[in-house]
Amino acid sequence: MSEKRAETGNDGLGGPGQNGDTSLLDSDASESVPSNVVQGSAMPEWGSVPELMGVKGRRRILIVDDELAIADTLQLIFQMQRYDARVAYTAERAVELIAEWQPELAILDVILPEMNGIDLAIVIKANHPTCHVILFSGHTNTAMLLEEAVSKGHSFEVLAKPVMPDLMLERASELLCSPDDPAYD
């Protein structure tokens, strides 16, 4: 999969483990997860994703994860639910994309190659305060990064990887729907 294709918002799927990251939370690591981290279940295999709850409208969602398979799968899941979903594989590319196309929700992996997802969330909230942010992570050092952000006056909810697609869709729907709008079809 070429980087050019990724930057323009592809809807293909990459293979698992493309970046070699295998440090997902396990039962021993979850004991040190802070209380604002929500643990989910593994994402289903491709082909077994059920027709999930549809959210009305073409709301704009940016997905940022350096693991191509995760980012591309989330993009496909959100597109299946009629969201306008785009992908960036680095925080730096996300900043460029946001300048061109302002999302209503940014779903950010915490551990990224250069700028981490928490720092990216801070930049997004400072420059686009109406953009909602969902962070997710499978790394135990996320707690340290969250503590640092809290000490600077920033607080974020973090979903623990792996996250079930329906949990991600539900959370996105909660953030994007007004109280008067029905959340699901």
N, C-alpha and C. Protein backbone atom coordinates (compact mmCIF):
# COMPACT_ATOMS: atom_id res chain seq x y z
N MET A 1 0.85 -1.17 0.00
CA MET A 1 0.00 0.00 0.00
C MET A 1 0.89 1.22 0.00
N SER A 2 0.65 2.11 -0.93
CA SER A 2 1.52 3.26 -1.04
C SER A 2 1.11 4.36 -0.09
N GLU A 3 2.07 5.17 0.33
CA GLU A 3 1.78 6.27 1.23
C GLU A 3 0.89 7.30 0.54
N LYS A 4 1.07 7.51 -0.76
CA LYS A 4 0.23 8.45 -1.50
C LYS A 4 -1.23 8.04 -1.41
N ARG A 5 -1.51 6.76 -1.61
CA ARG A 5 -2.87 6.27 -1.51
C ARG A 5 -3.42 6.49 -0.10
N ALA A 6 -2.59 6.28 0.90
CA ALA A 6 -3.02 6.44 2.28
C ALA A 6 -3.38 7.89 2.58
N GLU A 7 -2.62 8.82 2.04
CA GLU A 7 -2.86 10.23 2.33
C GLU A 7 -4.15 10.74 1.72
N THR A 8 -4.63 10.14 0.66
CA THR A 8 -5.83 10.62 0.00
C THR A 8 -7.09 9.95 0.53
N GLY A 9 -6.97 9.09 1.54
CA GLY A 9 -8.14 8.49 2.15
C GLY A 9 -8.55 7.20 1.46
N ASN A 10 -7.72 6.21 1.49
CA ASN A 10 -8.03 4.94 0.84
C ASN A 10 -9.07 4.19 1.64
N ASP A 11 -9.64 3.18 1.03
CA ASP A 11 -10.55 2.33 1.78
C ASP A 11 -10.18 0.86 1.63
N GLY A 12 -8.90 0.60 1.41
CA GLY A 12 -8.40 -0.76 1.37
C GLY A 12 -7.91 -1.17 2.74
N LEU A 13 -7.58 -2.42 2.89
CA LEU A 13 -7.11 -2.91 4.17
C LEU A 13 -5.68 -3.37 4.04
N GLY A 14 -4.83 -2.99 4.99
CA GLY A 14 -3.47 -3.48 5.04
C GLY A 14 -3.43 -4.76 5.84
N GLY A 15 -2.32 -5.46 5.76
CA GLY A 15 -2.18 -6.70 6.53
C GLY A 15 -1.89 -6.41 7.98
N PRO A 16 -2.15 -7.35 8.86
CA PRO A 16 -1.90 -7.14 10.28
C PRO A 16 -0.42 -7.06 10.58
N GLY A 17 -0.11 -6.27 11.61
CA GLY A 17 1.26 -6.19 12.11
C GLY A 17 2.23 -5.54 11.15
N GLN A 18 1.78 -4.60 10.34
CA GLN A 18 2.67 -4.02 9.35
C GLN A 18 3.79 -3.20 9.95
N ASN A 19 3.59 -2.67 11.13
CA ASN A 19 4.68 -1.89 11.71
C ASN A 19 5.40 -2.64 12.82
N GLY A 20 5.06 -3.90 13.01
CA GLY A 20 5.77 -4.74 13.99
C GLY A 20 5.42 -4.45 15.43
N ASP A 21 4.40 -3.64 15.69
CA ASP A 21 4.04 -3.27 17.05
C ASP A 21 3.21 -4.38 17.67
N THR A 22 3.72 -5.01 18.70
CA THR A 22 3.00 -6.10 19.35
C THR A 22 2.78 -5.82 20.83
N SER A 23 2.85 -4.55 21.24
CA SER A 23 2.78 -4.23 22.66
C SER A 23 1.38 -3.86 23.10
N LEU A 24 0.36 -4.65 22.69
CA LEU A 24 -1.00 -4.38 23.09
C LEU A 24 -1.18 -4.76 24.55
N LEU A 25 -2.17 -4.14 25.19
CA LEU A 25 -2.44 -4.43 26.59
C LEU A 25 -2.79 -5.90 26.78
N ASP A 26 -2.22 -6.51 27.78
CA ASP A 26 -2.62 -7.86 28.15
C ASP A 26 -3.14 -7.81 29.57
N SER A 27 -3.51 -8.94 30.12
CA SER A 27 -4.13 -8.94 31.44
C SER A 27 -3.19 -8.42 32.51
N ASP A 28 -1.88 -8.64 32.41
CA ASP A 28 -0.95 -8.14 33.41
C ASP A 28 -0.81 -6.63 33.29
N ALA A 29 -0.74 -6.12 32.07
CA ALA A 29 -0.54 -4.68 31.86
C ALA A 29 -1.78 -3.89 32.22
N SER A 30 -2.98 -4.48 32.10
CA SER A 30 -4.19 -3.74 32.35
C SER A 30 -4.34 -3.34 33.82
N GLU A 31 -3.60 -3.98 34.71
CA GLU A 31 -3.67 -3.61 36.12
C GLU A 31 -3.15 -2.19 36.34
N SER A 32 -2.24 -1.71 35.48
CA SER A 32 -1.68 -0.38 35.65
C SER A 32 -2.39 0.66 34.79
N VAL A 33 -3.51 0.30 34.16
CA VAL A 33 -4.24 1.22 33.31
C VAL A 33 -5.02 2.20 34.19
N PRO A 34 -4.90 3.51 33.92
CA PRO A 34 -5.61 4.49 34.73
C PRO A 34 -7.12 4.35 34.57
N SER A 35 -7.88 4.95 35.49
CA SER A 35 -9.32 4.79 35.51
C SER A 35 -10.02 5.41 34.31
N ASN A 36 -9.38 6.35 33.61
CA ASN A 36 -10.05 6.96 32.47
C ASN A 36 -9.77 6.21 31.18
N VAL A 37 -9.18 5.03 31.25
CA VAL A 37 -8.97 4.18 30.09
C VAL A 37 -10.07 3.13 30.07
N VAL A 38 -10.79 3.05 28.96
CA VAL A 38 -11.89 2.11 28.81
C VAL A 38 -11.37 0.92 28.02
N GLN A 39 -11.47 -0.26 28.59
CA GLN A 39 -10.98 -1.44 27.89
C GLN A 39 -12.07 -2.04 27.04
N GLY A 40 -11.71 -2.43 25.81
CA GLY A 40 -12.65 -3.04 24.88
C GLY A 40 -12.22 -4.45 24.56
N SER A 41 -12.81 -5.00 23.54
CA SER A 41 -12.48 -6.34 23.09
C SER A 41 -11.85 -6.26 21.71
N ALA A 42 -11.30 -7.34 21.26
CA ALA A 42 -10.61 -7.39 19.98
C ALA A 42 -11.55 -7.07 18.83
N MET A 43 -11.01 -6.42 17.79
CA MET A 43 -11.80 -6.15 16.60
C MET A 43 -11.97 -7.47 15.85
N PRO A 44 -13.14 -7.68 15.25
CA PRO A 44 -13.36 -8.93 14.53
C PRO A 44 -12.50 -9.00 13.28
N GLU A 45 -12.31 -10.22 12.79
CA GLU A 45 -11.57 -10.43 11.56
C GLU A 45 -12.34 -9.82 10.40
N TRP A 46 -11.60 -9.42 9.35
CA TRP A 46 -12.24 -8.89 8.16
C TRP A 46 -13.21 -9.93 7.62
N GLY A 47 -14.36 -9.48 7.20
CA GLY A 47 -15.38 -10.39 6.69
C GLY A 47 -16.39 -10.75 7.75
N SER A 48 -16.06 -10.57 9.02
CA SER A 48 -17.02 -10.89 10.07
C SER A 48 -17.58 -9.65 10.73
N VAL A 49 -17.24 -8.45 10.20
CA VAL A 49 -17.78 -7.23 10.77
C VAL A 49 -19.27 -7.17 10.45
N PRO A 50 -20.13 -7.17 11.47
CA PRO A 50 -21.56 -7.14 11.22
C PRO A 50 -21.99 -5.76 10.74
N GLU A 51 -23.16 -5.68 10.17
CA GLU A 51 -23.73 -4.38 9.83
C GLU A 51 -24.04 -3.71 11.16
N LEU A 52 -23.22 -2.72 11.51
CA LEU A 52 -23.32 -2.09 12.82
C LEU A 52 -24.26 -0.91 12.79
N MET A 53 -24.48 -0.35 13.97
CA MET A 53 -25.41 0.76 14.11
C MET A 53 -25.03 1.90 13.18
N GLY A 54 -25.97 2.36 12.36
CA GLY A 54 -25.71 3.45 11.42
C GLY A 54 -26.00 4.79 12.05
N VAL A 55 -25.15 5.75 11.84
CA VAL A 55 -25.34 7.09 12.35
C VAL A 55 -25.76 7.97 11.18
N LYS A 56 -26.78 8.78 11.39
CA LYS A 56 -27.30 9.60 10.31
C LYS A 56 -26.30 10.65 9.89
N GLY A 57 -26.32 10.97 8.58
CA GLY A 57 -25.52 12.06 8.05
C GLY A 57 -24.12 11.64 7.64
N ARG A 58 -23.42 12.57 7.05
CA ARG A 58 -22.04 12.35 6.59
C ARG A 58 -21.12 13.16 7.49
N ARG A 59 -21.04 12.79 8.74
CA ARG A 59 -20.17 13.48 9.68
C ARG A 59 -18.72 13.15 9.34
N ARG A 60 -17.82 14.12 9.51
CA ARG A 60 -16.41 13.98 9.13
C ARG A 60 -15.59 13.44 10.31
N ILE A 61 -14.91 12.33 10.05
CA ILE A 61 -14.09 11.69 11.08
C ILE A 61 -12.68 11.47 10.54
N LEU A 62 -11.70 11.88 11.32
CA LEU A 62 -10.30 11.64 11.00
C LEU A 62 -9.79 10.54 11.91
N ILE A 63 -9.15 9.54 11.32
CA ILE A 63 -8.57 8.43 12.06
C ILE A 63 -7.06 8.51 11.90
N VAL A 64 -6.34 8.54 13.03
CA VAL A 64 -4.88 8.65 12.99
C VAL A 64 -4.29 7.48 13.76
N ASP A 65 -3.62 6.60 13.03
CA ASP A 65 -2.94 5.45 13.63
C ASP A 65 -1.84 5.04 12.68
N ASP A 66 -0.65 4.77 13.22
CA ASP A 66 0.46 4.35 12.37
C ASP A 66 0.38 2.87 12.01
N GLU A 67 -0.54 2.14 12.59
CA GLU A 67 -0.77 0.74 12.21
C GLU A 67 -1.79 0.76 11.08
N LEU A 68 -1.33 0.53 9.86
CA LEU A 68 -2.17 0.64 8.68
C LEU A 68 -3.42 -0.22 8.76
N ALA A 69 -3.30 -1.45 9.22
CA ALA A 69 -4.45 -2.35 9.28
C ALA A 69 -5.54 -1.80 10.20
N ILE A 70 -5.15 -1.25 11.33
CA ILE A 70 -6.13 -0.68 12.27
C ILE A 70 -6.77 0.56 11.68
N ALA A 71 -5.95 1.48 11.17
CA ALA A 71 -6.48 2.73 10.61
C ALA A 71 -7.41 2.45 9.45
N ASP A 72 -7.00 1.59 8.53
CA ASP A 72 -7.80 1.31 7.35
C ASP A 72 -9.09 0.56 7.70
N THR A 73 -9.02 -0.34 8.67
CA THR A 73 -10.21 -1.06 9.09
C THR A 73 -11.21 -0.12 9.75
N LEU A 74 -10.73 0.77 10.62
CA LEU A 74 -11.63 1.75 11.24
C LEU A 74 -12.25 2.65 10.18
N GLN A 75 -11.46 3.07 9.21
CA GLN A 75 -12.00 3.91 8.14
C GLN A 75 -13.13 3.17 7.42
N LEU A 76 -12.92 1.93 7.07
CA LEU A 76 -13.93 1.14 6.38
C LEU A 76 -15.19 0.98 7.23
N ILE A 77 -15.03 0.70 8.49
CA ILE A 77 -16.17 0.54 9.40
C ILE A 77 -16.99 1.83 9.46
N PHE A 78 -16.31 2.97 9.61
CA PHE A 78 -17.03 4.24 9.68
C PHE A 78 -17.67 4.59 8.33
N GLN A 79 -17.00 4.28 7.23
CA GLN A 79 -17.59 4.54 5.91
C GLN A 79 -18.83 3.67 5.69
N MET A 80 -18.79 2.44 6.18
CA MET A 80 -19.96 1.55 6.06
C MET A 80 -21.16 2.13 6.81
N GLN A 81 -20.90 2.97 7.79
CA GLN A 81 -21.95 3.59 8.58
C GLN A 81 -22.24 5.02 8.12
N ARG A 82 -21.83 5.33 6.89
CA ARG A 82 -22.10 6.59 6.21
C ARG A 82 -21.39 7.80 6.82
N TYR A 83 -20.26 7.58 7.45
CA TYR A 83 -19.42 8.69 7.87
C TYR A 83 -18.46 9.02 6.73
N ASP A 84 -18.03 10.27 6.65
CA ASP A 84 -16.96 10.67 5.75
C ASP A 84 -15.68 10.51 6.55
N ALA A 85 -15.04 9.36 6.42
CA ALA A 85 -13.86 9.02 7.23
C ALA A 85 -12.60 9.10 6.39
N ARG A 86 -11.58 9.73 6.95
CA ARG A 86 -10.28 9.81 6.29
C ARG A 86 -9.20 9.35 7.27
N VAL A 87 -8.05 8.96 6.70
CA VAL A 87 -6.98 8.37 7.49
C VAL A 87 -5.69 9.17 7.33
N ALA A 88 -4.96 9.28 8.43
CA ALA A 88 -3.58 9.76 8.41
C ALA A 88 -2.78 8.78 9.25
N TYR A 89 -1.57 8.46 8.80
CA TYR A 89 -0.75 7.48 9.51
C TYR A 89 0.29 8.13 10.42
N THR A 90 0.35 9.46 10.41
CA THR A 90 1.24 10.20 11.32
C THR A 90 0.50 11.43 11.82
N ALA A 91 0.92 11.94 12.96
CA ALA A 91 0.33 13.17 13.50
C ALA A 91 0.61 14.34 12.57
N GLU A 92 1.78 14.36 11.99
CA GLU A 92 2.15 15.46 11.10
C GLU A 92 1.24 15.50 9.87
N ARG A 93 0.94 14.33 9.30
CA ARG A 93 0.03 14.28 8.16
C ARG A 93 -1.38 14.66 8.60
N ALA A 94 -1.75 14.30 9.82
CA ALA A 94 -3.07 14.66 10.34
C ALA A 94 -3.22 16.18 10.42
N VAL A 95 -2.18 16.88 10.87
CA VAL A 95 -2.22 18.34 10.96
C VAL A 95 -2.44 18.94 9.57
N GLU A 96 -1.74 18.41 8.56
CA GLU A 96 -1.91 18.89 7.19
C GLU A 96 -3.34 18.63 6.70
N LEU A 97 -3.87 17.45 6.97
CA LEU A 97 -5.20 17.08 6.53
C LEU A 97 -6.27 17.94 7.20
N ILE A 98 -6.09 18.22 8.47
CA ILE A 98 -7.05 19.04 9.21
C ILE A 98 -7.09 20.46 8.66
N ALA A 99 -5.96 20.96 8.18
CA ALA A 99 -5.92 22.30 7.60
C ALA A 99 -6.76 22.37 6.32
N GLU A 100 -6.85 21.26 5.58
CA GLU A 100 -7.61 21.20 4.33
C GLU A 100 -9.06 20.78 4.54
N TRP A 101 -9.29 19.94 5.53
CA TRP A 101 -10.57 19.26 5.72
C TRP A 101 -10.80 19.13 7.23
N GLN A 102 -11.66 19.96 7.78
CA GLN A 102 -11.83 19.99 9.23
C GLN A 102 -12.80 18.91 9.69
N PRO A 103 -12.29 17.92 10.42
CA PRO A 103 -13.16 16.86 10.93
C PRO A 103 -13.97 17.34 12.12
N GLU A 104 -15.06 16.65 12.36
CA GLU A 104 -15.88 16.90 13.55
C GLU A 104 -15.42 16.02 14.71
N LEU A 105 -14.72 14.94 14.37
CA LEU A 105 -14.20 14.00 15.36
C LEU A 105 -12.85 13.48 14.89
N ALA A 106 -11.90 13.45 15.80
CA ALA A 106 -10.59 12.86 15.51
C ALA A 106 -10.40 11.66 16.44
N ILE A 107 -10.13 10.51 15.85
CA ILE A 107 -9.85 9.28 16.60
C ILE A 107 -8.36 9.06 16.48
N LEU A 108 -7.65 9.16 17.61
CA LEU A 108 -6.19 9.21 17.60
C LEU A 108 -5.57 8.09 18.41
N ASP A 109 -4.62 7.38 17.80
CA ASP A 109 -3.79 6.46 18.57
C ASP A 109 -2.86 7.32 19.42
N VAL A 110 -2.59 6.89 20.62
CA VAL A 110 -1.71 7.68 21.50
C VAL A 110 -0.26 7.58 21.07
N ILE A 111 0.21 6.39 20.76
CA ILE A 111 1.62 6.20 20.42
C ILE A 111 1.79 6.28 18.90
N LEU A 112 2.40 7.36 18.45
CA LEU A 112 2.67 7.61 17.05
C LEU A 112 4.16 7.88 16.88
N PRO A 113 4.70 7.77 15.67
CA PRO A 113 6.16 7.85 15.46
C PRO A 113 6.85 9.13 15.94
N GLU A 114 6.32 10.30 15.64
CA GLU A 114 6.98 11.56 16.04
C GLU A 114 6.18 12.20 17.16
N MET A 115 5.20 13.01 16.80
CA MET A 115 4.31 13.62 17.79
C MET A 115 3.34 12.55 18.26
N ASN A 116 3.13 12.45 19.59
CA ASN A 116 2.19 11.44 20.08
C ASN A 116 0.75 11.95 19.96
N GLY A 117 -0.20 11.04 20.11
CA GLY A 117 -1.60 11.36 19.94
C GLY A 117 -2.14 12.34 20.96
N ILE A 118 -1.61 12.32 22.19
CA ILE A 118 -2.07 13.27 23.20
C ILE A 118 -1.64 14.68 22.82
N ASP A 119 -0.39 14.84 22.38
CA ASP A 119 0.06 16.16 21.93
C ASP A 119 -0.74 16.61 20.71
N LEU A 120 -1.05 15.69 19.81
CA LEU A 120 -1.88 16.02 18.66
C LEU A 120 -3.27 16.45 19.11
N ALA A 121 -3.84 15.77 20.09
CA ALA A 121 -5.16 16.13 20.61
C ALA A 121 -5.14 17.55 21.18
N ILE A 122 -4.06 17.90 21.86
CA ILE A 122 -3.92 19.25 22.42
C ILE A 122 -3.88 20.29 21.29
N VAL A 123 -3.13 19.99 20.24
CA VAL A 123 -3.05 20.90 19.09
C VAL A 123 -4.42 21.04 18.43
N ILE A 124 -5.11 19.93 18.25
CA ILE A 124 -6.44 19.96 17.63
C ILE A 124 -7.39 20.80 18.46
N LYS A 125 -7.45 20.55 19.76
CA LYS A 125 -8.39 21.28 20.62
C LYS A 125 -8.05 22.78 20.67
N ALA A 126 -6.77 23.13 20.59
CA ALA A 126 -6.37 24.54 20.61
C ALA A 126 -6.76 25.25 19.32
N ASN A 127 -6.65 24.58 18.19
CA ASN A 127 -6.90 25.19 16.90
C ASN A 127 -8.30 24.94 16.34
N HIS A 128 -8.95 23.88 16.79
CA HIS A 128 -10.29 23.50 16.33
C HIS A 128 -11.10 23.04 17.54
N PRO A 129 -11.50 23.98 18.40
CA PRO A 129 -12.14 23.59 19.66
C PRO A 129 -13.45 22.83 19.52
N THR A 130 -14.10 22.90 18.36
CA THR A 130 -15.35 22.15 18.18
C THR A 130 -15.12 20.71 17.75
N CYS A 131 -13.89 20.35 17.42
CA CYS A 131 -13.58 18.98 17.01
C CYS A 131 -13.48 18.10 18.26
N HIS A 132 -14.26 17.05 18.29
CA HIS A 132 -14.21 16.08 19.39
C HIS A 132 -13.00 15.17 19.19
N VAL A 133 -12.50 14.60 20.29
CA VAL A 133 -11.33 13.74 20.23
C VAL A 133 -11.59 12.45 21.00
N ILE A 134 -11.28 11.33 20.38
CA ILE A 134 -11.24 10.04 21.06
C ILE A 134 -9.81 9.53 20.92
N LEU A 135 -9.19 9.22 22.04
CA LEU A 135 -7.86 8.61 22.03
C LEU A 135 -8.01 7.12 22.29
N PHE A 136 -7.11 6.32 21.70
CA PHE A 136 -7.09 4.91 22.03
C PHE A 136 -5.65 4.42 22.01
N SER A 137 -5.38 3.44 22.86
CA SER A 137 -4.00 2.97 22.99
C SER A 137 -3.95 1.56 23.54
N GLY A 138 -2.88 0.88 23.18
CA GLY A 138 -2.61 -0.45 23.71
C GLY A 138 -1.29 -0.47 24.46
N HIS A 139 -0.76 0.68 24.79
CA HIS A 139 0.56 0.77 25.43
C HIS A 139 0.44 1.15 26.89
N THR A 140 1.24 0.53 27.71
CA THR A 140 1.20 0.80 29.14
C THR A 140 1.76 2.17 29.49
N ASN A 141 2.63 2.75 28.67
CA ASN A 141 3.17 4.07 29.00
C ASN A 141 2.21 5.20 28.68
N THR A 142 1.00 4.87 28.23
CA THR A 142 -0.03 5.88 27.99
C THR A 142 -0.37 6.61 29.29
N ALA A 143 -0.38 5.90 30.41
CA ALA A 143 -0.71 6.51 31.69
C ALA A 143 0.24 7.66 32.01
N MET A 144 1.52 7.47 31.72
CA MET A 144 2.51 8.53 31.97
C MET A 144 2.22 9.76 31.10
N LEU A 145 1.90 9.53 29.83
CA LEU A 145 1.59 10.64 28.92
C LEU A 145 0.31 11.36 29.36
N LEU A 146 -0.68 10.60 29.84
CA LEU A 146 -1.92 11.21 30.32
C LEU A 146 -1.67 12.06 31.56
N GLU A 147 -0.85 11.56 32.47
CA GLU A 147 -0.53 12.31 33.68
C GLU A 147 0.16 13.63 33.33
N GLU A 148 1.06 13.58 32.35
CA GLU A 148 1.74 14.80 31.90
C GLU A 148 0.74 15.80 31.32
N ALA A 149 -0.21 15.31 30.52
CA ALA A 149 -1.23 16.19 29.94
C ALA A 149 -2.12 16.79 31.02
N VAL A 150 -2.50 16.00 32.01
CA VAL A 150 -3.32 16.49 33.11
C VAL A 150 -2.59 17.58 33.87
N SER A 151 -1.29 17.40 34.08
CA SER A 151 -0.51 18.42 34.79
C SER A 151 -0.46 19.75 34.04
N LYS A 152 -0.72 19.70 32.72
CA LYS A 152 -0.76 20.90 31.90
C LYS A 152 -2.19 21.40 31.68
N GLY A 153 -3.15 20.77 32.39
CA GLY A 153 -4.54 21.21 32.31
C GLY A 153 -5.38 20.56 31.23
N HIS A 154 -4.94 19.44 30.68
CA HIS A 154 -5.68 18.75 29.63
C HIS A 154 -6.13 17.39 30.15
N SER A 155 -7.37 17.05 29.85
CA SER A 155 -7.90 15.76 30.27
C SER A 155 -8.57 15.08 29.08
N PHE A 156 -8.25 13.82 28.87
CA PHE A 156 -8.79 13.08 27.75
C PHE A 156 -9.22 11.69 28.20
N GLU A 157 -10.26 11.19 27.57
CA GLU A 157 -10.68 9.81 27.75
C GLU A 157 -9.87 8.96 26.77
N VAL A 158 -9.43 7.78 27.22
CA VAL A 158 -8.67 6.88 26.37
C VAL A 158 -9.35 5.52 26.37
N LEU A 159 -9.64 5.02 25.16
CA LEU A 159 -10.15 3.66 25.01
C LEU A 159 -8.96 2.73 24.87
N ALA A 160 -9.00 1.59 25.53
CA ALA A 160 -7.89 0.64 25.48
C ALA A 160 -8.03 -0.26 24.27
N LYS A 161 -6.93 -0.38 23.50
CA LYS A 161 -6.89 -1.34 22.40
C LYS A 161 -6.81 -2.73 22.97
N PRO A 162 -7.37 -3.69 22.32
CA PRO A 162 -8.20 -3.59 21.13
C PRO A 162 -9.60 -3.12 21.48
N VAL A 163 -10.22 -2.34 20.60
CA VAL A 163 -11.54 -1.77 20.82
C VAL A 163 -12.53 -2.40 19.85
N MET A 164 -13.65 -2.86 20.38
CA MET A 164 -14.71 -3.41 19.51
C MET A 164 -15.25 -2.28 18.64
N PRO A 165 -15.51 -2.56 17.36
CA PRO A 165 -16.05 -1.52 16.48
C PRO A 165 -17.34 -0.90 16.99
N ASP A 166 -18.24 -1.70 17.58
CA ASP A 166 -19.50 -1.12 18.05
C ASP A 166 -19.27 -0.14 19.20
N LEU A 167 -18.27 -0.36 20.03
CA LEU A 167 -17.94 0.58 21.10
C LEU A 167 -17.42 1.89 20.51
N MET A 168 -16.57 1.80 19.50
CA MET A 168 -16.04 3.00 18.84
C MET A 168 -17.17 3.76 18.15
N LEU A 169 -18.06 3.05 17.46
CA LEU A 169 -19.20 3.69 16.79
C LEU A 169 -20.14 4.34 17.80
N GLU A 170 -20.39 3.65 18.89
CA GLU A 170 -21.27 4.20 19.93
C GLU A 170 -20.69 5.48 20.51
N ARG A 171 -19.41 5.46 20.81
CA ARG A 171 -18.76 6.64 21.40
C ARG A 171 -18.77 7.81 20.40
N ALA A 172 -18.49 7.52 19.13
CA ALA A 172 -18.52 8.55 18.09
C ALA A 172 -19.93 9.14 17.98
N SER A 173 -20.93 8.28 17.98
CA SER A 173 -22.30 8.74 17.89
C SER A 173 -22.67 9.65 19.06
N GLU A 174 -22.27 9.26 20.25
CA GLU A 174 -22.54 10.08 21.44
C GLU A 174 -21.94 11.47 21.31
N LEU A 175 -20.73 11.54 20.77
CA LEU A 175 -20.05 12.83 20.65
C LEU A 175 -20.60 13.69 19.52
N LEU A 176 -21.09 13.06 18.46
CA LEU A 176 -21.48 13.82 17.27
C LEU A 176 -22.97 14.15 17.19
N CYS A 177 -23.81 13.42 17.88
CA CYS A 177 -25.25 13.67 17.79
C CYS A 177 -25.70 14.69 18.81
N SER A 178 -26.55 15.60 18.35
CA SER A 178 -27.15 16.55 19.30
C SER A 178 -28.21 15.81 20.10
N PRO A 179 -28.59 16.34 21.24
CA PRO A 179 -29.59 15.66 22.08
C PRO A 179 -30.91 15.43 21.37
N ASP A 180 -31.25 16.26 20.38
CA ASP A 180 -32.53 16.13 19.69
C ASP A 180 -32.49 15.14 18.53
N ASP A 181 -31.28 14.76 18.07
CA ASP A 181 -31.14 13.84 16.95
C ASP A 181 -31.19 12.40 17.43
N PRO A 182 -31.87 11.52 16.68
CA PRO A 182 -31.78 10.10 17.03
C PRO A 182 -30.37 9.62 16.71
N ALA A 183 -29.79 8.82 17.59
CA ALA A 183 -28.40 8.38 17.43
C ALA A 183 -28.24 7.33 16.35
N TYR A 184 -29.24 6.48 16.16
CA TYR A 184 -29.10 5.34 15.25
C TYR A 184 -30.27 5.27 14.32
N ASP A 185 -30.05 4.62 13.17
CA ASP A 185 -31.14 4.36 12.22
C ASP A 185 -32.09 3.34 12.80
